[in-house]
Amino acid sequence: MRIPRFYFPDLLALGARVNLPKEAAHHAARVLRMAEGGVLSLFNGDGHLYRAKILRLDKQDVVVTIEQCVAVSSESPLHITLVQGIASGERMDFTLQKSVELGISAIQPIQAERSVVKLTAERKEKRTRHWQNIVIAACEQCGRNVVPEVQPVLGLTDWLATLGTGAAQQAPGSLRMLLAPDAQSRLRDLPQPTGPVLFAVGPEGGFSDNEVRALRQYGFTPVRLGPRVLRTETAALAALAALQSCWGDF
């Protein structure tokens, strides 16, 4: 039987006694109906897996003691950041969840010109927290002990400014790609990356012409994934799977 896994946001150490976070405690006690003496696993994003035993379980708290710490790596050799134009509703949630399963390292949500969803400053913060929780839940499910960061929502111009001055600032061996159905290049035409990978995917309507020009000025190579037009959530996941197949851990 698979040992339940829960995210614990603080430092963990052998012999420590800790109270599970409220949602994890509810899931362990009410959903899984675990009992005192039961075994579970915790991770906090430091790359280790912490085996723990339940000492006390009641309606209010689940208290566990850390009995074992193991370094378990399930991370891809590729450091991949998904630069995702914000899609509406469940499409964005689905993309983030599955990208975690496929080994993404970080996610940069972009408020693109053609994004159907327009977020105020307050809603940007709420959505970022929501997306980070989706990422954490995906890590619990798929066995990752490092939690990819969902970075704050930015407009494309503001985000590109964080990369430095144009394509000249691109690190040696890195790869920047832009998914575009009318591109001439395919993934197999690109050099194997030895550094970080950035790949940009537009929202439902794709990136605008101005956004495409801006991305190209910063060294993003347009790439197509076959002769068919893919939905935004399909494009991101297909590209990630292809990257892992070519140069990652598939």
Protein backbone atom coordinates (compact mmCIF):
# COMPACT_ATOMS: atom_id res chain seq x y z
CA MET A 1 0.00 0.00 0.00
CA ARG A 2 1.32 3.43 -0.92
CA ILE A 3 2.37 5.57 2.05
CA PRO A 4 0.43 8.88 2.14
CA ARG A 5 2.51 11.99 1.36
CA PHE A 6 1.89 15.48 2.73
CA TYR A 7 3.55 18.84 2.21
CA PHE A 8 4.89 20.44 5.40
CA PRO A 9 6.00 24.07 4.88
CA ASP A 10 8.55 24.33 7.72
CA LEU A 11 11.90 22.81 8.62
CA LEU A 12 11.90 19.14 9.62
CA ALA A 13 14.46 17.16 11.61
CA LEU A 14 14.90 13.64 12.93
CA GLY A 15 13.14 13.13 16.24
CA ALA A 16 11.02 16.25 15.90
CA ARG A 17 7.36 16.19 16.86
CA VAL A 18 5.16 18.33 14.66
CA ASN A 19 1.50 19.04 14.11
CA LEU A 20 0.32 18.48 10.58
CA PRO A 21 -1.12 21.53 8.81
CA LYS A 22 -4.90 21.81 9.08
CA GLU A 23 -5.73 20.50 5.60
CA ALA A 24 -3.22 17.63 5.82
CA ALA A 25 -4.55 16.68 9.26
CA HIS A 26 -8.12 16.66 7.97
CA HIS A 27 -7.14 14.50 5.00
CA ALA A 28 -5.20 12.04 7.16
CA ALA A 29 -7.89 11.73 9.85
CA ARG A 30 -11.18 12.17 8.00
CA VAL A 31 -10.47 11.10 4.42
CA LEU A 32 -7.81 8.40 4.80
CA ARG A 33 -9.03 7.47 8.31
CA MET A 34 -5.50 6.89 9.55
CA ALA A 35 -4.93 5.86 13.14
CA GLU A 36 -2.28 6.33 15.84
CA GLY A 37 0.80 4.37 14.88
CA GLY A 38 0.15 4.90 11.17
CA VAL A 39 3.04 5.84 8.90
CA LEU A 40 3.15 8.74 6.48
CA SER A 41 5.71 10.81 4.58
CA LEU A 42 6.36 14.54 4.71
CA PHE A 43 8.32 16.81 2.37
CA ASN A 44 9.07 20.51 2.65
CA GLY A 45 10.77 21.25 -0.66
CA ASP A 46 14.36 20.66 0.45
CA GLY A 47 14.67 17.49 -1.65
CA HIS A 48 14.33 15.06 1.27
CA LEU A 49 11.56 12.68 2.23
CA TYR A 50 10.73 12.47 5.94
CA ARG A 51 9.11 9.28 7.23
CA ALA A 52 6.87 9.92 10.22
CA LYS A 53 4.64 8.01 12.64
CA ILE A 54 1.36 9.30 14.03
CA LEU A 55 1.60 9.81 17.81
CA ARG A 56 -1.77 11.39 18.41
CA LEU A 57 -4.83 11.83 16.25
CA ASP A 58 -8.04 13.56 17.28
CA LYS A 59 -10.62 15.97 15.89
CA GLN A 60 -8.29 18.95 16.25
CA ASP A 61 -4.74 17.75 15.62
CA VAL A 62 -2.57 15.08 14.11
CA VAL A 63 0.81 14.92 15.83
CA VAL A 64 3.64 12.95 14.23
CA THR A 65 7.26 12.23 15.03
CA ILE A 66 9.98 12.21 12.36
CA GLU A 67 11.70 8.82 12.30
CA GLN A 68 13.70 8.85 9.07
CA CYS A 69 15.11 11.35 6.58
CA VAL A 70 16.04 10.17 3.09
CA ALA A 71 17.41 12.16 0.14
CA VAL A 72 15.14 11.15 -2.75
CA SER A 73 15.62 12.81 -6.12
CA SER A 74 12.89 12.71 -8.72
CA GLU A 75 13.96 15.92 -10.46
CA SER A 76 14.68 16.24 -14.17
CA PRO A 77 18.24 17.03 -15.28
CA LEU A 78 16.69 19.87 -17.27
CA HIS A 79 15.85 23.10 -15.47
CA ILE A 80 12.74 24.18 -17.36
CA THR A 81 10.65 27.29 -16.77
CA LEU A 82 7.21 27.44 -18.35
CA VAL A 83 6.33 30.99 -19.39
CA GLN A 84 2.57 30.57 -19.68
CA GLY A 85 0.12 33.14 -20.97
CA ILE A 86 -2.73 33.06 -18.48
CA ALA A 87 -5.55 30.86 -19.71
CA SER A 88 -9.06 30.80 -18.34
CA GLY A 89 -10.34 28.71 -15.46
CA GLU A 90 -9.54 25.03 -15.40
CA ARG A 91 -7.21 25.22 -18.41
CA MET A 92 -4.58 27.07 -16.40
CA ASP A 93 -5.05 24.79 -13.39
CA PHE A 94 -4.73 21.71 -15.58
CA THR A 95 -1.60 23.02 -17.29
CA LEU A 96 0.16 23.72 -14.01
CA GLN A 97 -0.83 20.42 -12.42
CA LYS A 98 0.37 18.31 -15.33
CA SER A 99 3.52 20.36 -15.91
CA VAL A 100 4.58 19.49 -12.36
CA GLU A 101 4.07 15.79 -13.11
CA LEU A 102 6.19 16.22 -16.24
CA GLY A 103 9.09 17.78 -14.34
CA ILE A 104 8.77 21.55 -14.68
CA SER A 105 11.15 23.56 -12.48
CA ALA A 106 9.31 26.90 -12.31
CA ILE A 107 6.24 28.59 -13.74
CA GLN A 108 5.97 32.23 -14.82
CA PRO A 109 2.34 33.28 -15.44
CA ILE A 110 2.09 36.06 -18.04
CA GLN A 111 -0.80 38.52 -18.36
CA ALA A 112 -0.79 38.46 -22.14
CA GLU A 113 -2.61 40.82 -24.49
CA ARG A 114 -5.00 38.07 -25.57
CA SER A 115 -5.54 36.51 -22.15
CA VAL A 116 -9.28 36.16 -21.64
CA VAL A 117 -8.78 36.52 -17.89
CA LYS A 118 -7.80 40.04 -16.81
CA LEU A 119 -6.54 40.14 -13.22
CA THR A 120 -6.42 43.06 -10.83
CA ALA A 121 -3.46 43.33 -8.44
CA GLU A 122 -5.46 41.68 -5.65
CA ARG A 123 -6.67 38.87 -7.89
CA LYS A 124 -3.13 38.29 -9.17
CA GLU A 125 -1.98 37.55 -5.62
CA LYS A 126 -4.96 35.26 -4.96
CA ARG A 127 -4.50 33.36 -8.21
CA THR A 128 -0.78 32.95 -7.59
CA ARG A 129 -1.51 31.40 -4.17
CA HIS A 130 -4.16 29.18 -5.75
CA TRP A 131 -1.76 28.01 -8.46
CA GLN A 132 1.00 27.38 -5.90
CA ASN A 133 -1.41 25.16 -3.94
CA ILE A 134 -2.15 23.22 -7.12
CA VAL A 135 1.59 22.73 -7.62
CA ILE A 136 2.00 21.48 -4.03
CA ALA A 137 -0.88 19.02 -4.43
CA ALA A 138 0.66 17.76 -7.66
CA CYS A 139 3.98 17.21 -5.87
CA GLU A 140 2.18 15.22 -3.18
CA GLN A 141 0.63 13.01 -5.84
CA CYS A 142 3.57 12.48 -8.18
CA GLY A 143 6.36 11.96 -5.65
CA ARG A 144 8.39 15.15 -6.08
CA ASN A 145 10.18 16.49 -3.02
CA VAL A 146 11.17 19.81 -4.59
CA VAL A 147 8.29 22.23 -5.09
CA PRO A 148 8.36 24.33 -8.30
CA GLU A 149 7.74 28.02 -7.67
CA VAL A 150 4.83 29.84 -9.27
CA GLN A 151 6.29 33.30 -9.77
CA PRO A 152 4.25 36.51 -9.47
CA VAL A 153 2.06 37.39 -12.46
CA LEU A 154 3.69 39.89 -14.81
CA GLY A 155 3.03 41.43 -18.17
CA LEU A 156 5.33 40.12 -20.88
CA THR A 157 7.32 43.36 -21.21
CA ASP A 158 7.93 43.55 -17.47
CA TRP A 159 8.99 39.92 -17.31
CA LEU A 160 11.35 40.19 -20.28
CA ALA A 161 13.01 43.15 -18.57
CA THR A 162 14.06 40.81 -15.76
CA LEU A 163 16.12 38.77 -18.25
CA GLY A 164 18.59 41.58 -18.97
CA THR A 165 19.18 43.46 -22.20
CA GLY A 166 17.90 41.42 -25.09
CA ALA A 167 19.29 38.15 -26.39
CA ALA A 168 22.85 39.20 -25.57
CA GLN A 169 22.23 38.34 -21.91
CA GLN A 170 21.29 34.73 -22.66
CA ALA A 171 23.47 32.30 -20.71
CA PRO A 172 25.68 29.95 -22.74
CA GLY A 173 24.00 26.60 -23.32
CA SER A 174 20.56 27.86 -22.40
CA LEU A 175 17.53 27.46 -24.64
CA ARG A 176 14.70 29.89 -25.21
CA MET A 177 11.79 28.72 -27.34
CA LEU A 178 8.42 30.11 -28.30
CA LEU A 179 5.67 27.74 -29.38
CA ALA A 180 4.17 28.98 -32.65
CA PRO A 181 2.08 26.87 -35.07
CA ASP A 182 3.48 28.71 -38.12
CA ALA A 183 7.15 28.43 -37.12
CA GLN A 184 9.69 26.85 -39.46
CA SER A 185 11.86 25.21 -36.80
CA ARG A 186 11.05 22.01 -34.96
CA LEU A 187 12.37 20.94 -31.59
CA ARG A 188 14.80 18.50 -33.21
CA ASP A 189 16.37 21.42 -35.10
CA LEU A 190 17.50 23.13 -31.89
CA PRO A 191 20.83 22.49 -30.16
CA GLN A 192 20.80 20.37 -27.01
CA PRO A 193 20.66 22.70 -24.01
CA THR A 194 23.29 22.49 -21.29
CA GLY A 195 21.76 25.31 -19.27
CA PRO A 196 18.31 26.56 -18.28
CA VAL A 197 15.38 26.17 -20.66
CA LEU A 198 12.64 28.78 -21.04
CA PHE A 199 9.66 28.01 -23.19
CA ALA A 200 6.80 30.41 -23.79
CA VAL A 201 3.22 29.43 -24.56
CA GLY A 202 0.50 31.94 -25.38
CA PRO A 203 -3.04 31.98 -23.95
CA GLU A 204 -6.12 30.77 -25.86
CA GLY A 205 -5.62 33.29 -28.66
CA GLY A 206 -1.85 32.97 -28.74
CA PHE A 207 0.66 35.78 -28.28
CA SER A 208 0.07 38.95 -30.28
CA ASP A 209 2.43 39.95 -33.08
CA ASN A 210 4.01 42.56 -30.80
CA GLU A 211 4.58 39.96 -28.08
CA VAL A 212 6.13 37.54 -30.56
CA ARG A 213 8.51 40.26 -31.77
CA ALA A 214 9.46 41.08 -28.19
CA LEU A 215 10.16 37.43 -27.38
CA ARG A 216 12.31 37.04 -30.48
CA GLN A 217 14.33 40.11 -29.51
CA TYR A 218 15.16 38.28 -26.29
CA GLY A 219 16.41 35.18 -28.08
CA PHE A 220 13.24 33.05 -28.15
CA THR A 221 13.20 30.78 -31.19
CA PRO A 222 9.74 30.05 -32.63
CA VAL A 223 9.13 26.29 -32.70
CA ARG A 224 6.19 24.30 -34.02
CA LEU A 225 4.95 20.98 -32.68
CA GLY A 226 3.78 19.21 -35.80
CA PRO A 227 1.32 20.40 -38.46
CA ARG A 228 -1.69 20.71 -36.14
CA VAL A 229 -2.77 23.71 -34.06
CA LEU A 230 -2.73 22.77 -30.37
CA ARG A 231 -4.76 24.30 -27.58
CA THR A 232 -2.73 26.27 -25.05
CA GLU A 233 -2.94 23.53 -22.39
CA THR A 234 -2.01 20.85 -24.92
CA ALA A 235 0.91 22.84 -26.35
CA ALA A 236 2.61 23.39 -23.00
CA LEU A 237 2.41 19.74 -21.98
CA ALA A 238 3.37 18.40 -25.41
CA ALA A 239 6.46 20.64 -25.46
CA LEU A 240 7.47 19.61 -21.97
CA ALA A 241 7.09 15.92 -22.77
CA ALA A 242 9.11 16.39 -25.96
CA LEU A 243 11.89 18.19 -24.09
CA GLN A 244 12.06 15.40 -21.53
CA SER A 245 12.10 12.79 -24.28
CA CYS A 246 14.89 14.50 -26.22
CA TRP A 247 17.18 15.66 -23.42
CA GLY A 248 15.60 14.93 -20.03
CA ASP A 249 14.70 11.83 -18.05
CA PHE A 250 12.06 10.11 -20.20
